């Protein structure tokens, strides 16, 4: 879609300017300006995966091997190669609204084979490439709430497992692939607007909790340059600023946990977070007469963010952030 291509270009320019040190204070507002120019999209049909039972059968053919691998009993047992086709099948089923096929099927299968190192480095790279593709990560993202959320959210969740593997076990990603991951994740966390947590009989969507997971992994990577971490942080905060639906199921707690980790890691991030909190308060000063449901959701999302900072305790939060949150808490309620 043309809108997605255009905002990708704009974010790419902002990332390069951040790397050069050309922008800092204006980074968040520039991101917000770009996000606000996106036109509203109409709803289009979401093509959901079929053959969930067939996929479960394929995943279950590996179950015995995964069980004995977990128990450390593989010394005399031939390892069955995980096929590329079954990996792709699992990627497809991440978009299944039914938790039987998505959670306990595809996600559990991918989690097991990644964490138990049952797939090759080539397959790890292939899996990463598929998960951060536009087709997977931005499917229906500019439209109103829809079933596309499952594929997007669980792609980010599996990506966090891959990043953990990259950080702690096998450095399988090339510099180019990591560069792509940063670009795609930064744009995703800025664009996602589906705040639903647990959805009826379909289980958890929880995109913003999964966003916290993937950002945590990226922030903990020592080889990632500081400017890229700042860019990711700014993207998430810019997206949070634009939310017009409530985060009610622990998502803000997870995001604040990750934000405070960054703030404690380097003063640069703490300074940027403080700028953002001041910007959010300025928004409210200039929009005192709240009339719409969306405006009230924005207010309470931000209020929960401030309160979560306070709840983490003054001993765990940089003083300037804690003090500012404490000073403004009554204003935001």
Protein backbone atom coordinates (compact mmCIF):
# COMPACT_ATOMS: atom_id res chain seq x y z
CA UNK A 1 0.00 0.00 0.00
CA UNK A 2 1.22 3.48 -0.83
CA UNK A 3 0.65 4.87 2.69
CA UNK A 4 2.86 2.20 4.23
CA UNK A 5 5.64 2.77 1.70
CA UNK A 6 5.56 6.50 2.33
CA UNK A 7 5.74 6.31 6.11
CA UNK A 8 8.52 3.70 5.88
CA UNK A 9 10.57 6.23 3.90
CA UNK A 10 9.87 8.96 6.45
CA UNK A 11 10.85 6.75 9.38
CA UNK A 12 14.01 5.67 7.57
CA UNK A 13 15.00 9.33 7.20
CA UNK A 14 14.30 9.95 10.89
CA UNK A 15 16.43 6.98 11.88
CA UNK A 16 19.38 8.24 9.85
CA UNK A 17 19.04 11.73 11.34
CA UNK A 18 18.94 10.18 14.82
CA UNK A 19 22.11 8.24 14.06
CA UNK A 20 23.87 11.39 12.91
CA UNK A 21 22.78 13.26 16.03
CA UNK A 22 20.82 15.78 13.98
CA UNK A 23 17.59 15.36 15.97
CA UNK A 24 16.74 14.56 19.57
CA UNK A 25 14.09 16.78 21.14
CA UNK A 26 12.10 16.94 17.91
CA UNK A 27 12.20 13.18 17.21
CA UNK A 28 8.92 12.33 18.95
CA UNK A 29 6.95 15.26 17.54
CA UNK A 30 8.23 14.50 14.02
CA UNK A 31 7.14 10.89 14.38
CA UNK A 32 3.75 12.00 15.66
CA UNK A 33 3.32 14.41 12.77
CA UNK A 34 3.96 11.58 10.32
CA UNK A 35 1.60 9.22 12.12
CA UNK A 36 -1.19 11.77 12.24
CA UNK A 37 -1.04 12.31 8.48
CA UNK A 38 -1.94 8.68 7.80
CA UNK A 39 -5.43 8.54 6.28
CA UNK A 40 -8.12 6.36 7.80
CA UNK A 41 -8.38 2.98 6.11
CA UNK A 42 -11.57 1.08 5.43
CA UNK A 43 -12.00 -2.50 6.54
CA UNK A 44 -10.96 -5.19 4.08
CA UNK A 45 -11.49 -8.95 4.45
CA UNK A 46 -8.83 -10.74 6.49
CA UNK A 47 -7.80 -14.01 4.87
CA UNK A 48 -7.44 -16.43 7.77
CA UNK A 49 -5.37 -19.64 7.68
CA UNK A 50 -7.12 -22.93 7.08
CA UNK A 51 -6.15 -26.54 7.74
CA UNK A 52 -5.52 -25.99 11.43
CA UNK A 53 -5.95 -29.69 12.18
CA UNK A 54 -3.44 -30.64 9.50
CA UNK A 55 -0.97 -28.16 11.00
CA UNK A 56 -1.44 -29.64 14.48
CA UNK A 57 -0.77 -33.11 13.13
CA UNK A 58 2.45 -31.92 11.53
CA UNK A 59 3.60 -30.19 14.73
CA UNK A 60 2.78 -33.28 16.78
CA UNK A 61 5.09 -35.44 14.67
CA UNK A 62 7.94 -33.61 16.40
CA UNK A 63 6.48 -33.74 19.91
CA UNK A 64 8.31 -36.85 21.10
CA UNK A 65 11.63 -35.47 19.95
CA UNK A 66 10.95 -32.16 21.67
CA UNK A 67 10.00 -33.93 24.90
CA UNK A 68 13.13 -36.05 25.05
CA UNK A 69 15.27 -33.09 24.02
CA UNK A 70 13.91 -31.17 26.98
CA UNK A 71 14.73 -34.11 29.25
CA UNK A 72 18.31 -34.31 27.92
CA UNK A 73 17.91 -37.78 26.41
CA UNK A 74 19.05 -37.20 22.83
CA UNK A 75 22.50 -38.76 23.06
CA UNK A 76 21.61 -41.91 21.17
CA UNK A 77 18.60 -40.67 19.24
CA UNK A 78 18.71 -39.37 15.70
CA UNK A 79 17.41 -35.83 15.44
CA UNK A 80 14.62 -35.36 12.92
CA UNK A 81 15.19 -32.35 10.69
CA UNK A 82 12.53 -29.68 10.98
CA UNK A 83 11.35 -29.00 7.45
CA UNK A 84 11.13 -25.49 5.98
CA UNK A 85 7.57 -26.33 4.98
CA UNK A 86 6.53 -27.01 8.57
CA UNK A 87 8.17 -23.80 9.74
CA UNK A 88 6.22 -21.88 7.10
CA UNK A 89 3.05 -23.73 8.13
CA UNK A 90 3.60 -22.57 11.71
CA UNK A 91 4.15 -18.97 10.59
CA UNK A 92 0.85 -19.12 8.73
CA UNK A 93 -1.00 -20.53 11.74
CA UNK A 94 0.20 -17.68 13.98
CA UNK A 95 -2.62 -15.71 12.33
CA UNK A 96 -5.29 -18.24 13.33
CA UNK A 97 -7.90 -16.68 15.64
CA UNK A 98 -8.40 -20.02 17.41
CA UNK A 99 -5.91 -20.49 20.28
CA UNK A 100 -5.88 -24.25 19.74
CA UNK A 101 -4.03 -23.73 16.46
CA UNK A 102 -2.26 -20.44 17.24
CA UNK A 103 -1.09 -20.69 20.88
CA UNK A 104 -0.79 -24.37 21.72
CA UNK A 105 -0.14 -25.21 18.08
CA UNK A 106 2.02 -22.84 16.06
CA UNK A 107 3.50 -20.66 18.79
CA UNK A 108 4.39 -23.55 21.08
CA UNK A 109 5.95 -25.44 18.17
CA UNK A 110 8.08 -22.47 17.08
CA UNK A 111 9.03 -21.67 20.66
CA UNK A 112 10.17 -25.25 21.29
CA UNK A 113 12.26 -25.60 18.15
CA UNK A 114 13.92 -22.22 18.68
CA UNK A 115 14.68 -22.63 22.38
CA UNK A 116 15.81 -26.25 22.02
CA UNK A 117 18.00 -25.37 19.02
CA UNK A 118 16.33 -27.84 16.68
CA UNK A 119 16.56 -25.65 13.59
CA UNK A 120 19.59 -24.57 11.61
CA UNK A 121 21.04 -21.08 11.43
CA UNK A 122 19.73 -20.78 7.88
CA UNK A 123 16.25 -21.61 9.16
CA UNK A 124 16.58 -19.09 11.98
CA UNK A 125 17.42 -16.43 9.39
CA UNK A 126 14.55 -17.56 7.17
CA UNK A 127 12.10 -17.47 10.07
CA UNK A 128 13.24 -13.99 11.06
CA UNK A 129 12.90 -12.72 7.49
CA UNK A 130 9.35 -14.05 7.19
CA UNK A 131 8.23 -12.66 10.54
CA UNK A 132 9.40 -9.11 9.81
CA UNK A 133 8.09 -9.05 6.25
CA UNK A 134 5.50 -6.41 5.39
CA UNK A 135 2.98 -9.15 4.66
CA UNK A 136 3.33 -10.59 8.15
CA UNK A 137 3.98 -7.57 10.35
CA UNK A 138 1.75 -4.94 8.75
CA UNK A 139 -1.19 -7.04 7.61
CA UNK A 140 -4.34 -4.85 7.93
CA UNK A 141 -2.51 -2.65 10.46
CA UNK A 142 -3.93 0.65 9.17
CA UNK A 143 -7.52 -0.62 9.40
CA UNK A 144 -9.97 -0.68 12.33
CA UNK A 145 -9.71 -3.58 14.79
CA UNK A 146 -9.73 -6.87 12.91
CA UNK A 147 -8.52 -10.47 13.02
CA UNK A 148 -5.22 -9.42 11.48
CA UNK A 149 -4.05 -8.65 15.03
CA UNK A 150 -3.21 -12.30 15.78
CA UNK A 151 -0.66 -12.70 13.02
CA UNK A 152 0.97 -9.35 13.78
CA UNK A 153 1.09 -9.81 17.53
CA UNK A 154 2.37 -13.38 17.53
CA UNK A 155 4.96 -12.61 14.87
CA UNK A 156 6.39 -10.01 17.26
CA UNK A 157 6.28 -12.51 20.13
CA UNK A 158 8.19 -15.17 18.18
CA UNK A 159 10.63 -12.50 17.00
CA UNK A 160 11.43 -11.74 20.64
CA UNK A 161 12.47 -15.40 21.06
CA UNK A 162 14.69 -15.16 18.01
CA UNK A 163 16.30 -11.99 19.35
CA UNK A 164 16.92 -13.74 22.68
CA UNK A 165 18.67 -16.52 20.77
CA UNK A 166 20.69 -13.94 18.84
CA UNK A 167 21.67 -12.17 22.05
CA UNK A 168 22.52 -15.17 24.23
CA UNK A 169 23.27 -18.22 22.07
CA UNK A 170 23.81 -18.01 18.31
CA UNK A 171 24.67 -14.84 16.41
CA UNK A 172 22.81 -15.94 13.29
CA UNK A 173 21.60 -12.55 12.03
CA UNK A 174 23.74 -10.61 9.60
CA UNK A 175 24.19 -6.87 10.07
CA UNK A 176 21.78 -6.30 7.17
CA UNK A 177 19.11 -8.51 8.70
CA UNK A 178 19.43 -6.82 12.08
CA UNK A 179 19.11 -3.48 10.32
CA UNK A 180 15.88 -4.68 8.72
CA UNK A 181 14.57 -5.94 12.06
CA UNK A 182 15.15 -2.54 13.66
CA UNK A 183 13.39 -0.68 10.83
CA UNK A 184 10.41 -3.01 10.79
CA UNK A 185 9.99 -3.23 14.56
CA UNK A 186 10.28 0.55 14.98
CA UNK A 187 7.56 1.12 12.41
CA UNK A 188 5.36 -1.64 13.81
CA UNK A 189 5.42 -0.33 17.38
CA UNK A 190 4.56 3.13 16.09
CA UNK A 191 1.67 1.92 13.91
CA UNK A 192 -0.07 -0.74 16.01
CA UNK A 193 -3.42 0.51 17.31
CA UNK A 194 -5.22 -2.69 18.31
CA UNK A 195 -5.05 -2.57 22.10
CA UNK A 196 -7.20 -5.63 22.81
CA UNK A 197 -5.88 -8.05 25.39
CA UNK A 198 -8.01 -11.15 25.87
CA UNK A 199 -10.60 -11.44 23.09
CA UNK A 200 -13.67 -13.56 23.77
CA UNK A 201 -13.12 -17.23 22.99
CA UNK A 202 -10.06 -16.45 20.85
CA UNK A 203 -7.72 -15.91 23.78
CA UNK A 204 -4.91 -13.38 24.01
CA UNK A 205 -3.97 -10.91 21.30
CA UNK A 206 -1.88 -8.79 23.70
CA UNK A 207 0.11 -6.96 21.03
CA UNK A 208 1.41 -4.31 23.41
CA UNK A 209 2.72 -6.85 25.90
CA UNK A 210 4.52 -8.55 23.03
CA UNK A 211 5.86 -5.15 21.97
CA UNK A 212 7.35 -4.86 25.43
CA UNK A 213 9.01 -8.26 25.01
CA UNK A 214 10.63 -7.48 21.68
CA UNK A 215 11.85 -4.05 22.78
CA UNK A 216 13.31 -5.53 25.95
CA UNK A 217 15.44 -7.89 23.87
CA UNK A 218 16.63 -5.11 21.58
CA UNK A 219 17.45 -2.80 24.47
CA UNK A 220 19.55 -5.53 26.09
CA UNK A 221 21.70 -6.10 23.01
CA UNK A 222 25.12 -4.62 23.81
CA UNK A 223 26.20 -4.41 20.15
CA UNK A 224 23.19 -2.30 19.14
CA UNK A 225 24.19 1.33 18.77
CA UNK A 226 22.66 3.79 21.21
CA UNK A 227 20.98 5.84 18.48
CA UNK A 228 19.04 2.80 17.26
CA UNK A 229 17.82 2.02 20.76
CA UNK A 230 16.73 5.64 21.11
CA UNK A 231 14.91 5.41 17.79
CA UNK A 232 13.05 2.27 18.91
CA UNK A 233 12.14 3.88 22.22
CA UNK A 234 10.89 7.00 20.47
CA UNK A 235 8.81 4.95 18.04
CA UNK A 236 7.03 3.09 20.82
CA UNK A 237 6.34 6.27 22.79
CA UNK A 238 5.08 8.06 19.66
CA UNK A 239 2.71 5.20 18.96
CA UNK A 240 1.53 5.14 22.57
CA UNK A 241 0.80 8.87 22.34
CA UNK A 242 -1.59 8.26 19.44
CA UNK A 243 -3.59 5.41 21.01
CA UNK A 244 -7.31 6.08 21.09
CA UNK A 245 -8.33 2.78 22.70
CA UNK A 246 -7.59 1.69 26.27
CA UNK A 247 -4.77 -0.56 27.43
CA UNK A 248 -6.37 -2.43 30.33
CA UNK A 249 -4.73 -5.84 30.73
CA UNK A 250 -1.23 -5.25 32.03
CA UNK A 251 0.27 -3.87 28.82
CA UNK A 252 1.23 -0.48 30.26
CA UNK A 253 2.96 -2.17 33.19
CA UNK A 254 5.12 -4.18 30.79
CA UNK A 255 5.94 -1.16 28.63
CA UNK A 256 6.89 0.98 31.62
CA UNK A 257 9.10 -1.85 32.91
CA UNK A 258 11.00 -1.81 29.62
CA UNK A 259 11.13 1.99 29.47
CA UNK A 260 12.57 2.22 32.99
CA UNK A 261 15.14 -0.45 32.14
CA UNK A 262 16.29 1.79 29.29
CA UNK A 263 16.22 4.89 31.49
CA UNK A 264 18.44 3.19 34.04
CA UNK A 265 20.82 1.95 31.34
CA UNK A 266 21.83 5.42 30.13
CA UNK A 267 20.94 9.02 30.91
CA UNK A 268 20.27 9.69 27.22
CA UNK A 269 17.15 7.52 27.35
CA UNK A 270 16.04 9.00 30.67
CA UNK A 271 16.33 12.51 29.19
CA UNK A 272 14.28 11.49 26.17
CA UNK A 273 11.59 9.85 28.29
CA UNK A 274 11.33 12.99 30.42
CA UNK A 275 10.89 15.09 27.27
CA UNK A 276 8.11 12.75 26.19
CA UNK A 277 6.29 12.92 29.53
CA UNK A 278 6.43 16.72 29.36
CA UNK A 279 5.08 16.61 25.81
CA UNK A 280 2.17 14.44 26.93
CA UNK A 281 1.31 16.88 29.69
CA UNK A 282 1.51 19.78 27.24
CA UNK A 283 -1.00 17.96 25.04
CA UNK A 284 -3.42 17.87 27.93
CA UNK A 285 -2.91 21.54 28.79
CA UNK A 286 -3.81 22.53 25.23
CA UNK A 287 -6.76 20.11 25.10
CA UNK A 288 -8.49 20.79 28.39
CA UNK A 289 -12.01 20.39 27.03
CA UNK A 290 -12.10 16.65 26.35
CA UNK A 291 -15.25 15.70 24.44
CA UNK A 292 -14.70 12.36 22.72
CA UNK A 293 -14.20 8.82 23.94
CA UNK A 294 -10.86 8.70 22.11
CA UNK A 295 -9.60 11.78 23.97
CA UNK A 296 -10.54 10.30 27.32
CA UNK A 297 -8.80 7.02 26.46
CA UNK A 298 -5.66 8.99 25.59
CA UNK A 299 -5.84 10.76 28.93
CA UNK A 300 -6.23 7.57 30.96
CA UNK A 301 -3.62 5.63 29.01
CA UNK A 302 -1.11 8.37 29.80
CA UNK A 303 -2.29 8.57 33.38
CA UNK A 304 -1.67 4.83 33.81
CA UNK A 305 1.80 5.29 32.32
CA UNK A 306 2.68 8.00 34.87
CA UNK A 307 1.24 5.98 37.74
CA UNK A 308 3.19 2.88 36.74
CA UNK A 309 6.39 4.91 36.93
CA UNK A 310 5.49 5.91 40.49
CA UNK A 311 4.52 2.35 41.44
CA UNK A 312 7.98 1.10 40.49
CA UNK A 313 9.33 3.10 43.42
CA UNK A 314 11.76 5.99 43.72
CA UNK A 315 14.64 3.58 44.32
CA UNK A 316 14.10 1.92 40.93
CA UNK A 317 13.47 4.96 38.71
CA UNK A 318 15.84 7.78 37.73
CA UNK A 319 15.12 10.66 40.11
CA UNK A 320 14.12 13.18 37.44
CA UNK A 321 11.54 10.79 35.99
CA UNK A 322 10.13 9.77 39.34
CA UNK A 323 9.91 13.35 40.57
CA UNK A 324 8.16 14.56 37.43
CA UNK A 325 5.65 11.70 37.52
CA UNK A 326 5.00 12.37 41.21
CA UNK A 327 4.52 16.12 40.62
CA UNK A 328 2.01 15.61 37.81
CA UNK A 329 0.01 12.63 39.12
CA UNK A 330 -2.87 14.71 40.47
CA UNK A 331 -3.14 16.67 37.25
CA UNK A 332 -3.56 13.49 35.21
CA UNK A 333 -6.39 11.97 37.25
